[in-house]
């Protein structure tokens, strides 16, 4: 396993981390035993970067991760998030208010069963609270020893620069993959300039780029992806054509489509790491193996030809959720 420095901190994280969201929410039925086995296998393989949030479940995923790392805390760079408020009635709102930041952190520490969070993200930027106030509250958590480093998720370049004037930002988490290349519009360069690690979430296109999803009906009735424009109707069929092209190059390379997609993201720059999500040991092993794949210039040219900017059919989120992206 290869590791990269997390921002300008003294922490180093695996280039292939583990996104834990799907273990508890959004992607069909839960299997806590298999999920915990997957986390344990990840740690055995040197995957030290685990990503969760208080919004996943909600709360259930932090509790699961906390149980899984009990007795192995020193093997983990633990990341969690605050900011998406999910109500019991299914409502969703965003908060970056300073008092909410503190309450969220203390609750996450308790659920995770740890004394300090290694990387604490604002999950979504609150348009009604100045970023300076939110990051100021986060910085106080660092001063108190409750948090080691700070991160933002789906934040714009302007927001990132303003945040960095208050406290160093170690990581920016944003969707990035062969079918979501928007960060190439300056965000990747900004992170490099400011010494921020870019954490690519959904590097496998929410599972679509694995080639395992062949029909809309393959998704569980309660699977979040049924609401995603890229998984619906004609968009689904057009995106399948992209996957077939990826599969062809992967076959020639002697790897799986998942490994090709992950290796491509990792190889884009030295300050990028990935957090593909899985709740199964089988797919974890496959993802970890992507860490050793390298491409020739000709292979990269071919990949760019089949997956140029804007290749995906459909937005990456439903309209209501796209509105929460800070641009």
Protein backbone atom coordinates (compact mmCIF):
# COMPACT_ATOMS: atom_id res chain seq x y z
CA UNK A 1 0.00 0.00 0.00
CA UNK A 2 1.23 3.46 -0.90
CA UNK A 3 0.64 6.44 1.38
CA UNK A 4 0.47 10.18 0.88
CA UNK A 5 0.76 13.06 3.32
CA UNK A 6 -2.54 14.49 4.51
CA UNK A 7 -2.27 18.17 3.74
CA UNK A 8 0.61 19.69 5.66
CA UNK A 9 -0.07 17.60 8.74
CA UNK A 10 2.11 14.80 10.07
CA UNK A 11 -0.51 12.19 9.09
CA UNK A 12 -0.11 9.86 6.13
CA UNK A 13 -3.05 8.10 4.52
CA UNK A 14 -3.41 5.21 2.11
CA UNK A 15 -3.97 6.20 -1.51
CA UNK A 16 -6.91 3.76 -1.47
CA UNK A 17 -8.92 4.43 1.67
CA UNK A 18 -12.32 3.04 2.62
CA UNK A 19 -15.59 4.93 2.40
CA UNK A 20 -17.97 3.45 4.98
CA UNK A 21 -21.24 5.20 4.08
CA UNK A 22 -22.81 2.32 2.18
CA UNK A 23 -22.34 -0.02 5.13
CA UNK A 24 -25.20 1.69 6.95
CA UNK A 25 -27.22 3.74 4.49
CA UNK A 26 -28.26 4.55 0.93
CA UNK A 27 -27.16 1.38 -0.91
CA UNK A 28 -29.58 -1.33 0.13
CA UNK A 29 -29.69 -3.73 3.10
CA UNK A 30 -27.16 -3.60 5.94
CA UNK A 31 -24.94 -6.48 7.04
CA UNK A 32 -22.98 -5.20 10.02
CA UNK A 33 -20.99 -8.41 10.44
CA UNK A 34 -19.73 -8.32 6.86
CA UNK A 35 -19.07 -4.59 7.11
CA UNK A 36 -16.97 -4.99 10.24
CA UNK A 37 -15.09 -7.87 8.60
CA UNK A 38 -14.41 -5.55 5.65
CA UNK A 39 -13.02 -2.84 7.92
CA UNK A 40 -10.84 -5.36 9.73
CA UNK A 41 -9.50 -6.70 6.43
CA UNK A 42 -8.82 -3.16 5.28
CA UNK A 43 -6.70 -2.53 8.36
CA UNK A 44 -4.91 -5.85 7.84
CA UNK A 45 -4.03 -4.71 4.30
CA UNK A 46 -2.71 -1.34 5.49
CA UNK A 47 -5.77 0.67 4.47
CA UNK A 48 -5.54 3.15 7.32
CA UNK A 49 -7.93 5.84 6.06
CA UNK A 50 -11.58 5.34 7.10
CA UNK A 51 -14.28 7.82 6.13
CA UNK A 52 -17.67 8.22 7.82
CA UNK A 53 -20.15 10.96 8.81
CA UNK A 54 -22.78 11.66 11.42
CA UNK A 55 -25.27 11.90 8.52
CA UNK A 56 -24.83 8.26 7.49
CA UNK A 57 -27.59 6.26 9.11
CA UNK A 58 -27.94 8.88 10.52
CA UNK A 59 -25.44 8.16 13.31
CA UNK A 60 -25.46 4.38 12.72
CA UNK A 61 -22.33 4.39 10.58
CA UNK A 62 -20.20 6.15 13.18
CA UNK A 63 -21.36 3.61 15.75
CA UNK A 64 -20.45 0.76 13.38
CA UNK A 65 -17.01 2.17 12.62
CA UNK A 66 -16.44 2.74 16.33
CA UNK A 67 -17.14 -0.92 17.07
CA UNK A 68 -14.92 -2.06 14.21
CA UNK A 69 -11.84 -0.08 15.27
CA UNK A 70 -12.08 -0.86 18.97
CA UNK A 71 -8.67 -2.14 20.01
CA UNK A 72 -7.10 -0.97 16.73
CA UNK A 73 -7.38 2.80 17.03
CA UNK A 74 -3.67 3.36 16.44
CA UNK A 75 -3.96 1.78 12.96
CA UNK A 76 -6.53 4.30 11.75
CA UNK A 77 -6.60 7.82 10.37
CA UNK A 78 -10.23 8.45 11.21
CA UNK A 79 -12.30 10.97 9.26
CA UNK A 80 -15.86 12.01 9.98
CA UNK A 81 -18.11 14.93 9.08
CA UNK A 82 -20.80 17.24 10.37
CA UNK A 83 -23.16 19.68 8.72
CA UNK A 84 -25.94 17.65 7.10
CA UNK A 85 -28.83 17.60 9.54
CA UNK A 86 -31.27 14.74 8.94
CA UNK A 87 -34.55 14.93 10.79
CA UNK A 88 -36.64 11.96 11.98
CA UNK A 89 -39.21 12.86 9.33
CA UNK A 90 -36.66 12.48 6.55
CA UNK A 91 -36.01 16.22 6.27
CA UNK A 92 -32.55 17.48 5.42
CA UNK A 93 -30.89 20.80 6.18
CA UNK A 94 -27.39 22.25 6.43
CA UNK A 95 -25.81 23.83 9.51
CA UNK A 96 -22.40 25.32 10.08
CA UNK A 97 -23.32 27.32 13.17
CA UNK A 98 -20.53 27.32 15.76
CA UNK A 99 -22.63 25.82 18.55
CA UNK A 100 -23.78 23.06 16.20
CA UNK A 101 -20.16 22.32 15.22
CA UNK A 102 -19.22 21.71 18.86
CA UNK A 103 -22.28 19.61 19.68
CA UNK A 104 -21.75 17.50 16.56
CA UNK A 105 -18.10 16.86 17.36
CA UNK A 106 -18.80 15.80 20.93
CA UNK A 107 -21.57 13.46 19.76
CA UNK A 108 -19.32 11.94 17.06
CA UNK A 109 -16.51 11.34 19.56
CA UNK A 110 -18.94 9.45 21.77
CA UNK A 111 -20.39 7.34 18.95
CA UNK A 112 -16.95 6.51 17.57
CA UNK A 113 -15.60 5.72 21.03
CA UNK A 114 -12.45 7.80 20.52
CA UNK A 115 -10.81 10.75 22.24
CA UNK A 116 -9.81 12.58 19.06
CA UNK A 117 -10.95 12.72 15.44
CA UNK A 118 -8.03 12.77 13.00
CA UNK A 119 -9.80 14.63 10.18
CA UNK A 120 -13.01 16.58 10.81
CA UNK A 121 -14.89 17.81 7.75
CA UNK A 122 -17.69 20.25 7.20
CA UNK A 123 -19.87 17.94 5.09
CA UNK A 124 -21.63 20.72 3.18
CA UNK A 125 -21.10 24.47 3.33
CA UNK A 126 -23.86 26.34 5.15
CA UNK A 127 -24.91 29.26 2.93
CA UNK A 128 -26.38 31.05 5.94
CA UNK A 129 -23.27 30.93 8.14
CA UNK A 130 -20.01 32.63 7.09
CA UNK A 131 -17.33 30.02 6.52
CA UNK A 132 -15.05 32.00 8.83
CA UNK A 133 -17.41 31.36 11.74
CA UNK A 134 -17.71 27.65 11.00
CA UNK A 135 -13.98 27.08 10.56
CA UNK A 136 -13.29 29.23 13.61
CA UNK A 137 -15.39 26.83 15.67
CA UNK A 138 -13.62 23.87 14.09
CA UNK A 139 -10.25 25.45 14.88
CA UNK A 140 -11.18 25.69 18.54
CA UNK A 141 -11.77 21.93 18.54
CA UNK A 142 -8.19 21.50 17.31
CA UNK A 143 -6.92 23.77 20.09
CA UNK A 144 -8.80 21.65 22.63
CA UNK A 145 -7.32 18.40 21.30
CA UNK A 146 -10.64 16.97 20.11
CA UNK A 147 -9.68 17.15 16.43
CA UNK A 148 -6.29 16.88 14.72
CA UNK A 149 -6.90 18.32 11.24
CA UNK A 150 -9.70 20.05 9.35
CA UNK A 151 -11.39 19.41 6.04
CA UNK A 152 -14.14 20.71 3.76
CA UNK A 153 -16.42 18.79 1.42
CA UNK A 154 -17.88 20.05 -1.87
CA UNK A 155 -16.58 23.57 -1.23
CA UNK A 156 -15.84 26.16 -3.90
CA UNK A 157 -12.43 27.70 -4.54
CA UNK A 158 -13.49 31.00 -2.96
CA UNK A 159 -14.80 29.25 0.16
CA UNK A 160 -11.60 27.24 0.49
CA UNK A 161 -9.40 30.33 0.30
CA UNK A 162 -11.51 32.10 2.94
CA UNK A 163 -11.38 29.04 5.19
CA UNK A 164 -7.60 28.78 4.93
CA UNK A 165 -7.23 32.33 6.24
CA UNK A 166 -8.81 31.15 9.50
CA UNK A 167 -7.07 27.78 9.92
CA UNK A 168 -5.10 25.38 7.67
CA UNK A 169 -7.32 23.01 5.72
CA UNK A 170 -5.79 19.56 5.29
CA UNK A 171 -8.31 17.96 2.94
CA UNK A 172 -10.99 18.74 0.41
CA UNK A 173 -13.42 15.91 -0.25
CA UNK A 174 -15.23 16.13 -3.58
CA UNK A 175 -16.63 13.68 -6.10
CA UNK A 176 -14.06 12.84 -8.78
CA UNK A 177 -13.99 9.98 -11.25
CA UNK A 178 -13.91 9.13 -14.93
CA UNK A 179 -17.46 10.43 -15.22
CA UNK A 180 -17.21 13.35 -12.75
CA UNK A 181 -14.22 15.45 -13.80
CA UNK A 182 -15.42 18.90 -12.67
CA UNK A 183 -12.56 19.30 -10.11
CA UNK A 184 -10.22 19.69 -13.08
CA UNK A 185 -11.70 23.19 -13.47
CA UNK A 186 -9.20 24.60 -10.99
CA UNK A 187 -9.96 22.80 -7.73
CA UNK A 188 -7.17 20.26 -8.13
CA UNK A 189 -4.67 23.02 -8.89
CA UNK A 190 -5.92 25.10 -5.96
CA UNK A 191 -5.45 22.19 -3.56
CA UNK A 192 -1.91 21.70 -4.80
CA UNK A 193 -1.18 25.40 -4.37
CA UNK A 194 -2.52 25.47 -0.80
CA UNK A 195 -1.06 22.14 0.33
CA UNK A 196 -4.46 20.47 0.60
CA UNK A 197 -4.99 16.76 -0.05
CA UNK A 198 -7.80 16.13 -2.53
CA UNK A 199 -9.93 13.21 -1.30
CA UNK A 200 -11.89 11.76 -4.22
CA UNK A 201 -15.18 10.25 -3.15
CA UNK A 202 -17.30 8.06 -5.45
CA UNK A 203 -14.23 7.32 -7.62
CA UNK A 204 -16.17 4.35 -9.01
CA UNK A 205 -19.18 6.42 -10.01
CA UNK A 206 -21.31 5.07 -7.16
CA UNK A 207 -20.59 1.59 -8.43
CA UNK A 208 -21.61 2.20 -12.03
CA UNK A 209 -18.03 2.16 -13.33
CA UNK A 210 -17.45 -1.31 -11.85
CA UNK A 211 -19.50 -2.90 -14.62
CA UNK A 212 -21.47 -4.87 -12.02
CA UNK A 213 -24.70 -2.88 -12.46
CA UNK A 214 -26.38 -3.94 -15.69
CA UNK A 215 -30.03 -3.00 -15.14
CA UNK A 216 -31.88 -0.39 -13.11
CA UNK A 217 -33.73 -3.30 -11.53
CA UNK A 218 -30.43 -4.56 -10.07
CA UNK A 219 -30.69 -1.77 -7.47
CA UNK A 220 -32.50 -2.53 -4.22
CA UNK A 221 -35.88 -0.80 -3.80
CA UNK A 222 -34.46 1.51 -1.13
CA UNK A 223 -31.18 2.18 -2.98
CA UNK A 224 -30.41 5.93 -3.18
CA UNK A 225 -29.10 5.50 -6.72
CA UNK A 226 -32.64 4.95 -8.01
CA UNK A 227 -33.06 8.71 -7.51
CA UNK A 228 -29.82 9.63 -9.31
CA UNK A 229 -30.30 11.02 -12.83
CA UNK A 230 -27.33 8.99 -14.09
CA UNK A 231 -29.06 5.75 -13.15
CA UNK A 232 -32.39 6.54 -14.79
CA UNK A 233 -33.96 5.92 -18.18
CA UNK A 234 -31.97 6.75 -21.27
CA UNK A 235 -29.13 8.14 -19.15
CA UNK A 236 -28.60 4.65 -17.73
CA UNK A 237 -28.28 3.15 -21.20
CA UNK A 238 -25.88 5.85 -22.42
CA UNK A 239 -23.70 5.42 -19.35
CA UNK A 240 -23.61 1.66 -19.90
CA UNK A 241 -21.96 2.39 -23.26
CA UNK A 242 -19.20 4.25 -21.40
CA UNK A 243 -18.72 1.31 -19.05
CA UNK A 244 -18.38 -1.07 -22.00
CA UNK A 245 -15.56 1.08 -23.39
CA UNK A 246 -13.86 1.14 -20.00
CA UNK A 247 -14.19 -2.64 -19.72
CA UNK A 248 -12.45 -3.08 -23.07
CA UNK A 249 -9.37 -1.09 -22.02
CA UNK A 250 -9.35 -2.78 -18.60
CA UNK A 251 -9.40 -6.21 -20.22
CA UNK A 252 -6.42 -5.30 -22.38
CA UNK A 253 -4.65 -3.97 -19.28
CA UNK A 254 -5.34 -7.16 -17.35
CA UNK A 255 -7.34 -5.48 -14.62
CA UNK A 256 -10.98 -4.96 -13.70
CA UNK A 257 -12.94 -1.82 -14.66
CA UNK A 258 -12.96 -0.83 -10.98
CA UNK A 259 -9.18 -1.06 -10.78
CA UNK A 260 -8.74 0.95 -13.96
CA UNK A 261 -11.07 3.69 -12.69
CA UNK A 262 -9.34 3.88 -9.30
CA UNK A 263 -5.83 3.80 -10.70
CA UNK A 264 -6.73 6.60 -13.09
CA UNK A 265 -7.85 8.87 -10.25
CA UNK A 266 -4.83 8.06 -8.06
CA UNK A 267 -2.49 8.75 -10.95
CA UNK A 268 -3.85 12.21 -11.73
CA UNK A 269 -1.67 13.95 -9.11
CA UNK A 270 0.44 13.23 -6.05
CA UNK A 271 -1.94 15.09 -3.74
CA UNK A 272 -4.97 12.91 -4.56
CA UNK A 273 -6.23 9.95 -2.54
CA UNK A 274 -9.42 7.94 -2.96
CA UNK A 275 -12.08 6.52 -0.64
CA UNK A 276 -14.02 3.94 -2.67
CA UNK A 277 -16.91 2.59 -0.65
CA UNK A 278 -17.68 -1.07 -0.16
CA UNK A 279 -19.19 -3.32 2.48
CA UNK A 280 -17.72 -6.56 1.14
CA UNK A 281 -14.23 -8.03 1.58
CA UNK A 282 -14.19 -9.24 -2.02
CA UNK A 283 -14.47 -5.73 -3.44
CA UNK A 284 -12.08 -4.29 -0.87
CA UNK A 285 -9.37 -6.67 -2.08
CA UNK A 286 -10.08 -5.68 -5.67
CA UNK A 287 -9.88 -1.98 -4.86
CA UNK A 288 -6.64 -2.27 -2.90
CA UNK A 289 -4.98 -4.01 -5.83
CA UNK A 290 -5.56 -0.91 -7.96
CA UNK A 291 -2.85 0.86 -5.99
CA UNK A 292 -0.11 -0.80 -8.02
CA UNK A 293 -1.46 -0.11 -11.53
CA UNK A 294 0.33 2.41 -13.72
CA UNK A 295 -0.58 3.62 -17.21
CA UNK A 296 1.49 4.38 -20.28
CA UNK A 297 0.96 7.74 -22.03
CA UNK A 298 -0.86 5.90 -24.81
CA UNK A 299 -3.23 4.22 -22.35
CA UNK A 300 -3.96 7.56 -20.71
CA UNK A 301 -4.69 9.07 -24.12
CA UNK A 302 -7.17 6.30 -24.88
CA UNK A 303 -8.87 6.68 -21.50
CA UNK A 304 -9.23 10.42 -22.09
CA UNK A 305 -10.77 9.72 -25.48
CA UNK A 306 -13.48 7.45 -24.08
CA UNK A 307 -14.10 9.44 -20.89
CA UNK A 308 -13.66 13.14 -21.68
CA UNK A 309 -15.04 15.93 -19.55
CA UNK A 310 -18.82 15.79 -19.44
CA UNK A 311 -19.08 12.24 -20.76
CA UNK A 312 -21.68 11.10 -18.21
CA UNK A 313 -25.34 11.41 -19.13
CA UNK A 314 -27.28 13.12 -16.33
CA UNK A 315 -26.39 15.16 -13.26
CA UNK A 316 -24.56 13.45 -10.42
CA UNK A 317 -27.29 14.26 -7.86
CA UNK A 318 -31.04 14.90 -8.01
CA UNK A 319 -31.84 18.61 -8.39
CA UNK A 320 -32.67 19.09 -4.70
CA UNK A 321 -29.27 17.77 -3.61
CA UNK A 322 -27.33 19.59 -6.33
CA UNK A 323 -28.54 22.75 -4.65
CA UNK A 324 -26.45 21.95 -1.58
CA UNK A 325 -23.19 22.01 -3.56
CA UNK A 326 -21.15 25.14 -2.84
CA UNK A 327 -20.19 26.78 -6.15
